[in-house]
C-alpha cells in the first residue's frame, strides 16, 4: 500500500510514474491504485467492495476512470518476453517509457545489485520496498536493517531509507521510522500515518501520539 501511495502521489503531482510489482498481478495492484487515486481526486470507493464485486457507485466510478485516463500511471507485473523481472529488464522498460519516477514493489524477489547504478544512469528516482524476515517477529517495532531482505545493501545505496510497523491498539495508524536521510536533517526520526487503506486514505497524522505507561502515571498527556 505504501508503494501505491508513493506512485499515486507522484502521479497527482504531474510525474509520469512506472509502478512495478513482483508480488501482485496488474489487476490487483490497479484496484489498490484506483482507490488511492480516487481519494486524492475527491472520490470514495471501497477496495474490498471493488475486489469482491459488492455494490458501489458505478456512475461515480466510471466518471473517476474517465478523469484518470489522462494521468500517467503505468502498472506492470511482468515484462514481455522476459521469464522473470530483473534489473536489466526494468532498465529496458524505463528506456521504453521514460518515466519520471519508478516504484518497485518487492525488490527482495529480484536483487538489489545494480539498482543504484540504474538510478544514476537514468537520472530517475526509484522507490523500492522489501520485506521483513522472520527475525522481525515483533510487528509493533520497525524492523532493523539486518531483519529485512537486502536491508544493509539497500540502506548503503539509498538516499532515504525508512521502516514501517503496526501500532498496538491502533489499527488505523502506522509508524514510519526514518533510518537514513542522506542530505539534510529531518525534524523527527519517527512519523505517524493515518491508515484507512480500504478507502485509499493514507496521510501523515500530526495530531496522533502514543501515550505510554510512564506518561499516564505522571499525567503527561
Protein backbone atom coordinates (compact mmCIF):
# COMPACT_ATOMS: atom_id res chain seq x y z
CA UNK A 1 0.00 0.00 0.00
CA UNK A 2 2.87 2.43 0.66
CA UNK A 3 4.21 1.77 -2.83
CA UNK A 4 0.80 2.56 -4.29
CA UNK A 5 0.60 5.72 -2.16
CA UNK A 6 4.04 6.83 -3.38
CA UNK A 7 3.09 6.19 -7.01
CA UNK A 8 -0.28 7.95 -6.66
CA UNK A 9 1.31 10.98 -5.01
CA UNK A 10 3.78 11.28 -7.89
CA UNK A 11 1.00 10.97 -10.48
CA UNK A 12 -1.09 13.64 -8.77
CA UNK A 13 1.92 15.96 -8.94
CA UNK A 14 2.20 15.50 -12.68
CA UNK A 15 5.01 12.93 -12.83
CA UNK A 16 4.90 10.03 -15.26
CA UNK A 17 5.17 7.02 -12.96
CA UNK A 18 6.02 3.36 -13.54
CA UNK A 19 4.71 1.00 -10.82
CA UNK A 20 6.23 -2.48 -10.97
CA UNK A 21 5.06 -5.28 -8.69
CA UNK A 22 6.92 -8.56 -8.31
CA UNK A 23 4.25 -9.85 -5.91
CA UNK A 24 0.81 -8.93 -7.24
CA UNK A 25 -0.85 -9.18 -10.67
CA UNK A 26 -1.59 -5.96 -12.50
CA UNK A 27 -5.34 -6.24 -11.91
CA UNK A 28 -4.91 -6.49 -8.14
CA UNK A 29 -2.45 -3.62 -7.75
CA UNK A 30 -4.51 -1.49 -10.16
CA UNK A 31 -7.51 -1.83 -7.82
CA UNK A 32 -5.38 -0.52 -4.98
CA UNK A 33 -4.18 2.33 -7.16
CA UNK A 34 -7.77 3.15 -8.08
CA UNK A 35 -8.96 3.64 -4.50
CA UNK A 36 -5.87 5.67 -3.52
CA UNK A 37 -6.05 7.89 -6.59
CA UNK A 38 -9.83 8.20 -6.25
CA UNK A 39 -9.45 9.50 -2.70
CA UNK A 40 -6.89 12.07 -3.87
CA UNK A 41 -9.28 13.14 -6.65
CA UNK A 42 -12.25 13.60 -4.32
CA UNK A 43 -13.98 10.24 -4.79
CA UNK A 44 -14.54 7.50 -2.23
CA UNK A 45 -14.55 3.83 -3.21
CA UNK A 46 -14.04 0.75 -1.06
CA UNK A 47 -11.21 -1.55 -2.08
CA UNK A 48 -12.92 -4.54 -0.52
CA UNK A 49 -16.14 -3.76 -2.43
CA UNK A 50 -14.30 -3.41 -5.74
CA UNK A 51 -12.38 -6.62 -5.15
CA UNK A 52 -15.39 -8.71 -4.12
CA UNK A 53 -17.89 -7.20 -6.57
CA UNK A 54 -20.10 -5.65 -3.89
CA UNK A 55 -22.29 -2.67 -4.87
CA UNK A 56 -20.50 0.64 -5.43
CA UNK A 57 -21.36 3.98 -7.04
CA UNK A 58 -20.89 2.71 -10.60
CA UNK A 59 -21.57 6.07 -12.25
CA UNK A 60 -19.07 7.73 -9.93
CA UNK A 61 -16.51 5.03 -10.66
CA UNK A 62 -16.93 5.45 -14.43
CA UNK A 63 -16.54 9.21 -14.04
CA UNK A 64 -13.38 8.71 -11.97
CA UNK A 65 -11.90 6.36 -14.60
CA UNK A 66 -12.59 8.91 -17.35
CA UNK A 67 -10.80 11.60 -15.34
CA UNK A 68 -7.96 9.22 -14.54
CA UNK A 69 -7.43 8.32 -18.19
CA UNK A 70 -5.23 11.35 -18.82
CA UNK A 71 -2.91 10.72 -15.88
CA UNK A 72 0.42 8.95 -16.42
CA UNK A 73 0.49 5.76 -14.34
CA UNK A 74 1.91 2.60 -15.89
CA UNK A 75 1.37 -0.61 -13.89
CA UNK A 76 3.41 -3.73 -14.63
CA UNK A 77 3.61 -7.21 -13.11
CA UNK A 78 5.73 -8.80 -15.85
CA UNK A 79 7.89 -7.73 -18.76
CA UNK A 80 7.01 -9.05 -22.20
CA UNK A 81 9.48 -11.60 -23.48
CA UNK A 82 11.14 -12.00 -20.07
CA UNK A 83 10.66 -15.08 -17.86
CA UNK A 84 11.21 -13.00 -14.72
CA UNK A 85 11.61 -9.37 -13.73
CA UNK A 86 15.26 -8.37 -13.39
CA UNK A 87 17.26 -5.15 -13.08
CA UNK A 88 18.14 -5.39 -16.78
CA UNK A 89 14.53 -5.84 -17.83
CA UNK A 90 13.47 -2.90 -15.64
CA UNK A 91 16.16 -0.80 -17.33
CA UNK A 92 14.74 -1.72 -20.74
CA UNK A 93 11.25 -0.85 -19.56
CA UNK A 94 12.47 2.53 -18.33
CA UNK A 95 14.17 3.25 -21.64
CA UNK A 96 10.92 2.40 -23.44
CA UNK A 97 8.58 4.56 -21.33
CA UNK A 98 10.94 7.24 -19.91
CA UNK A 99 9.19 7.60 -16.53
CA UNK A 100 9.95 10.44 -14.13
CA UNK A 101 9.55 8.12 -11.13
CA UNK A 102 9.68 4.35 -10.66
CA UNK A 103 8.15 2.35 -7.82
CA UNK A 104 9.28 -1.26 -7.39
CA UNK A 105 7.17 -3.34 -5.02
CA UNK A 106 9.14 -6.36 -3.82
CA UNK A 107 12.83 -5.92 -4.64
CA UNK A 108 13.59 -8.97 -2.48
CA UNK A 109 12.22 -11.15 -5.30
CA UNK A 110 14.81 -9.70 -7.70
CA UNK A 111 18.12 -8.36 -6.39
CA UNK A 112 19.33 -5.05 -5.07
CA UNK A 113 22.57 -5.29 -7.06
CA UNK A 114 22.68 -2.64 -9.77
CA UNK A 115 19.68 -0.61 -8.61
CA UNK A 116 21.79 2.38 -7.54
CA UNK A 117 23.60 2.38 -10.88
CA UNK A 118 20.24 2.29 -12.68
CA UNK A 119 19.09 5.38 -10.76
CA UNK A 120 22.27 7.25 -11.60
CA UNK A 121 22.46 6.15 -15.24
CA UNK A 122 18.87 7.22 -15.96
CA UNK A 123 18.73 10.15 -13.50
CA UNK A 124 15.50 8.67 -12.17
CA UNK A 125 14.25 8.42 -8.60
CA UNK A 126 13.30 4.82 -7.73
CA UNK A 127 11.26 3.85 -4.65
CA UNK A 128 11.69 0.20 -3.65
CA UNK A 129 10.08 -1.95 -0.97
CA UNK A 130 11.46 -5.04 0.67
CA UNK A 131 10.12 -7.45 3.28
CA UNK A 132 10.98 -8.21 6.87
CA UNK A 133 12.37 -11.64 7.65
CA UNK A 134 11.19 -13.96 10.42
CA UNK A 135 13.71 -12.36 12.75
CA UNK A 136 11.48 -9.28 12.88
CA UNK A 137 8.91 -11.12 14.97
CA UNK A 138 7.51 -8.05 16.74
CA UNK A 139 5.10 -6.39 14.30
CA UNK A 140 4.89 -3.35 16.60
CA UNK A 141 8.58 -2.42 16.22
CA UNK A 142 10.18 -1.15 12.99
CA UNK A 143 12.49 -3.87 11.64
CA UNK A 144 16.23 -3.21 11.71
CA UNK A 145 18.30 -3.29 8.53
CA UNK A 146 19.55 -6.79 9.38
CA UNK A 147 15.95 -8.01 9.72
CA UNK A 148 14.84 -7.29 6.15
CA UNK A 149 15.85 -8.78 2.81
CA UNK A 150 18.83 -6.87 1.33
CA UNK A 151 18.48 -4.42 4.22
CA UNK A 152 22.13 -3.46 4.71
CA UNK A 153 22.81 -3.21 0.96
CA UNK A 154 19.69 -1.13 0.35
CA UNK A 155 20.45 1.32 3.13
CA UNK A 156 24.03 1.80 1.93
CA UNK A 157 22.82 2.55 -1.60
CA UNK A 158 19.73 4.58 -0.75
CA UNK A 159 19.49 8.32 -0.21
CA UNK A 160 16.44 7.78 2.03
CA UNK A 161 15.51 4.64 3.95
CA UNK A 162 12.51 4.08 6.20
CA UNK A 163 10.84 1.23 8.05
CA UNK A 164 7.17 0.83 8.92
CA UNK A 165 5.32 -1.10 11.61
CA UNK A 166 1.91 -1.51 13.18
CA UNK A 167 0.91 0.45 16.29
CA UNK A 168 -0.58 -1.63 19.08
CA UNK A 169 -4.27 -0.93 19.82
CA UNK A 170 -4.40 1.48 16.85
CA UNK A 171 -5.35 -0.49 13.76
CA UNK A 172 -5.82 2.69 11.72
CA UNK A 173 -2.29 4.00 12.39
CA UNK A 174 1.22 3.13 11.24
CA UNK A 175 4.63 4.21 12.49
CA UNK A 176 7.27 5.31 9.97
CA UNK A 177 10.85 5.33 11.25
CA UNK A 178 13.48 7.15 9.18
CA UNK A 179 16.62 5.00 9.14
CA UNK A 180 18.64 7.12 6.70
CA UNK A 181 18.37 10.59 5.20
CA UNK A 182 21.47 11.36 3.19
CA UNK A 183 21.12 15.13 2.70
CA UNK A 184 19.93 17.44 5.42
CA UNK A 185 18.33 16.90 8.81
CA UNK A 186 14.74 15.86 9.38
CA UNK A 187 12.74 17.42 12.23
CA UNK A 188 11.94 13.94 13.54
CA UNK A 189 13.04 10.34 13.10
CA UNK A 190 9.51 8.99 13.53
CA UNK A 191 6.22 9.87 11.89
CA UNK A 192 2.69 8.56 12.28
CA UNK A 193 0.36 7.77 9.41
CA UNK A 194 -3.41 7.54 9.37
CA UNK A 195 -4.08 4.21 7.66
CA UNK A 196 -7.51 3.50 6.17
CA UNK A 197 -6.43 1.65 3.04
CA UNK A 198 -9.86 0.22 2.26
CA UNK A 199 -10.79 3.72 1.12
CA UNK A 200 -7.28 4.63 -0.03
CA UNK A 201 -6.74 7.11 2.81
CA UNK A 202 -3.11 7.43 3.90
CA UNK A 203 -1.68 10.63 5.31
CA UNK A 204 0.71 11.90 7.96
CA UNK A 205 -1.19 12.32 11.22
CA UNK A 206 0.45 15.23 13.05
CA UNK A 207 -2.09 15.09 15.89
CA UNK A 208 -1.56 11.44 16.83
CA UNK A 209 0.84 10.46 19.58
CA UNK A 210 1.43 7.38 21.69
CA UNK A 211 0.78 7.71 25.41
CA UNK A 212 2.97 5.26 27.33
CA UNK A 213 2.55 4.00 30.88
CA UNK A 214 5.07 6.47 32.31
CA UNK A 215 3.16 9.39 30.81
CA UNK A 216 -0.07 8.09 32.27
CA UNK A 217 1.47 7.82 35.74
CA UNK A 218 2.92 11.33 35.54
CA UNK A 219 -0.13 12.88 33.91
CA UNK A 220 1.84 13.99 30.81
CA UNK A 221 -0.79 13.50 28.12
